[in-house]
Amino acid sequence: MRISVSSDMDEPVAQALVAELRSRGHEVVTHGALRPGADPQWAVCSAAAAGDVADGSSEQAVVCCWTGTGASIAANKVPGVRAALCTDASTADGARRWNDANVLALSLRLTSEPLLKEILDAWFGGEASEDAEDRENVAHVERLDRARAGS
């Protein structure tokens, strides 16, 4: 799977994220502080990684900043993106299952390497729910994207 990764800082957990994804056999596209010469601002690099998902050049993305909040906000401004800030494996599983999230947002401050692996296991192990109510909620979010794009 091709996964875009962004971080506004070249922190050890961001490097561990890239290494872990590659060790799992994923192709990683880097943005921000993880790519020499790229703009490291969280709003810029998070939107770039999320844009890769929206345009189909990456299947998913992981966006990081100190708290993860700014990265998730910026990513969610990209139409077609459903970014979820996950600080534990249960939240990651739920984000994939009930929200069909396609962008994972992580906190560089809170995420340890062992926790990172647990979150990634849950994220990649999760599948979107086929429950009608869950699918309707995701469809509603997609309609909001289209309405915003049309304004």
Protein backbone atom coordinates (compact mmCIF):
# COMPACT_ATOMS: atom_id res chain seq x y z
CA MET A 1 0.00 0.00 0.00
CA ARG A 2 1.21 3.51 -0.74
CA ILE A 3 0.99 5.73 2.33
CA SER A 4 1.81 9.43 2.58
CA VAL A 5 3.34 10.57 5.87
CA SER A 6 3.79 14.11 7.07
CA SER A 7 5.30 15.65 10.15
CA ASP A 8 6.07 19.24 11.05
CA MET A 9 9.08 18.10 13.09
CA ASP A 10 11.72 15.45 12.51
CA GLU A 11 11.05 13.73 15.85
CA PRO A 12 12.10 10.16 16.74
CA VAL A 13 8.49 8.94 16.66
CA ALA A 14 8.05 10.33 13.13
CA GLN A 15 11.17 8.46 12.02
CA ALA A 16 9.90 5.34 13.79
CA LEU A 17 6.57 5.70 11.97
CA VAL A 18 8.25 5.80 8.56
CA ALA A 19 10.51 2.85 9.45
CA GLU A 20 7.59 0.81 10.83
CA LEU A 21 5.45 1.40 7.75
CA ARG A 22 8.32 0.39 5.47
CA SER A 23 9.01 -2.72 7.57
CA ARG A 24 5.36 -3.69 7.04
CA GLY A 25 5.93 -3.54 3.29
CA HIS A 26 4.29 -0.20 2.55
CA GLU A 27 5.64 2.36 0.10
CA VAL A 28 6.04 5.62 2.03
CA VAL A 29 5.82 9.11 0.52
CA THR A 30 7.11 11.77 2.93
CA HIS A 31 6.10 15.40 3.40
CA GLY A 32 7.15 18.24 5.67
CA ALA A 33 10.14 17.85 7.96
CA LEU A 34 10.56 14.26 6.76
CA ARG A 35 11.39 15.43 3.22
CA PRO A 36 14.44 17.67 2.76
CA GLY A 37 13.47 21.04 1.31
CA ALA A 38 9.72 20.60 1.84
CA ASP A 39 7.64 23.10 3.82
CA PRO A 40 7.45 21.71 7.39
CA GLN A 41 4.51 23.81 8.60
CA TRP A 42 1.84 21.48 9.97
CA ALA A 43 -0.97 23.02 7.93
CA VAL A 44 1.01 22.74 4.71
CA CYS A 45 2.49 19.27 5.06
CA SER A 46 -0.67 17.72 6.51
CA ALA A 47 -2.75 19.08 3.65
CA ALA A 48 -0.17 17.77 1.17
CA ALA A 49 -0.29 14.24 2.58
CA ALA A 50 -4.10 14.32 2.74
CA GLY A 51 -4.16 15.63 -0.82
CA ASP A 52 -2.32 12.50 -1.92
CA VAL A 53 -5.24 10.45 -0.57
CA ALA A 54 -7.83 12.73 -2.15
CA ASP A 55 -6.21 12.57 -5.59
CA GLY A 56 -5.63 8.83 -5.36
CA SER A 57 -1.83 8.88 -5.48
CA SER A 58 -1.77 7.33 -1.98
CA GLU A 59 -4.28 4.95 -0.45
CA GLN A 60 -3.94 6.38 3.05
CA ALA A 61 -1.96 8.97 4.98
CA VAL A 62 -0.58 9.51 8.45
CA VAL A 63 -0.21 13.14 9.52
CA CYS A 64 1.70 14.24 12.62
CA CYS A 65 2.25 17.38 14.65
CA TRP A 66 3.01 18.02 18.31
CA THR A 67 -0.56 17.41 19.53
CA GLY A 68 -1.96 15.88 16.34
CA THR A 69 -4.85 18.34 16.45
CA GLY A 70 -3.57 20.81 13.87
CA ALA A 71 -2.55 18.01 11.52
CA SER A 72 -6.04 16.48 11.73
CA ILE A 73 -7.74 19.86 11.20
CA ALA A 74 -5.64 20.64 8.12
CA ALA A 75 -6.14 17.15 6.68
CA ASN A 76 -9.91 17.35 7.18
CA LYS A 77 -10.06 20.52 5.07
CA VAL A 78 -9.16 18.43 2.01
CA PRO A 79 -12.37 17.18 0.32
CA GLY A 80 -12.64 13.40 0.41
CA VAL A 81 -10.50 13.05 3.52
CA ARG A 82 -11.75 11.67 6.80
CA ALA A 83 -8.89 12.20 9.24
CA ALA A 84 -9.01 10.88 12.79
CA LEU A 85 -6.74 11.88 15.66
CA CYS A 86 -5.97 8.61 17.45
CA THR A 87 -4.15 8.35 20.75
CA ASP A 88 -4.81 4.65 21.32
CA ALA A 89 -5.57 1.44 19.45
CA SER A 90 -9.29 1.39 20.33
CA THR A 91 -9.81 4.83 18.84
CA ALA A 92 -7.89 3.82 15.70
CA ASP A 93 -10.02 0.70 15.31
CA GLY A 94 -13.24 2.70 15.73
CA ALA A 95 -12.10 5.40 13.32
CA ARG A 96 -11.52 2.82 10.61
CA ARG A 97 -14.65 0.79 11.42
CA TRP A 98 -17.35 3.38 12.04
CA ASN A 99 -15.93 6.43 10.27
CA ASP A 100 -14.11 4.75 7.36
CA ALA A 101 -11.24 7.14 8.15
CA ASN A 102 -8.55 7.31 5.47
CA VAL A 103 -6.06 9.57 7.26
CA LEU A 104 -4.58 8.81 10.67
CA ALA A 105 -3.46 11.80 12.75
CA LEU A 106 -0.92 11.26 15.51
CA SER A 107 0.54 13.33 18.32
CA LEU A 108 4.33 13.50 18.31
CA ARG A 109 4.18 14.33 22.03
CA LEU A 110 1.92 11.50 23.21
CA THR A 111 2.80 8.62 20.89
CA SER A 112 5.52 6.27 22.11
CA GLU A 113 7.00 3.65 19.81
CA PRO A 114 5.14 0.73 21.47
CA LEU A 115 1.88 2.70 21.33
CA LEU A 116 2.58 3.60 17.70
CA LYS A 117 2.75 -0.09 16.78
CA GLU A 118 -0.52 -0.80 18.61
CA ILE A 119 -2.26 2.08 16.83
CA LEU A 120 -0.95 0.96 13.44
CA ASP A 121 -2.02 -2.65 14.11
CA ALA A 122 -5.54 -1.47 14.90
CA TRP A 123 -5.65 1.01 12.01
CA PHE A 124 -4.53 -1.45 9.36
CA GLY A 125 -6.42 -4.34 10.91
CA GLY A 126 -9.69 -2.44 10.83
CA GLU A 127 -12.17 -2.47 8.00
CA ALA A 128 -15.05 -0.16 7.28
CA SER A 129 -18.35 -1.29 8.74
CA GLU A 130 -21.04 -2.44 6.33
CA ASP A 131 -23.77 -1.46 8.82
CA ALA A 132 -26.35 0.73 7.05
CA GLU A 133 -26.27 3.43 9.73
CA ASP A 134 -22.47 3.64 9.64
CA ARG A 135 -22.44 3.81 5.82
CA GLU A 136 -25.10 6.55 5.87
CA ASN A 137 -23.03 8.62 8.28
CA VAL A 138 -19.98 8.33 6.00
CA ALA A 139 -22.15 9.18 2.99
CA HIS A 140 -23.43 12.26 4.83
CA VAL A 141 -19.85 13.43 5.42
CA GLU A 142 -19.13 12.91 1.72
CA ARG A 143 -22.17 15.06 0.85
CA LEU A 144 -20.85 17.78 3.16
CA ASP A 145 -17.56 17.69 1.21
CA ARG A 146 -19.39 18.09 -2.10
CA ALA A 147 -21.53 20.93 -0.73
CA ARG A 148 -18.41 22.72 0.52
CA ALA A 149 -16.64 22.21 -2.81
CA GLY A 150 -19.67 23.60 -4.68
CA SER A 151 -19.84 26.82 -2.67
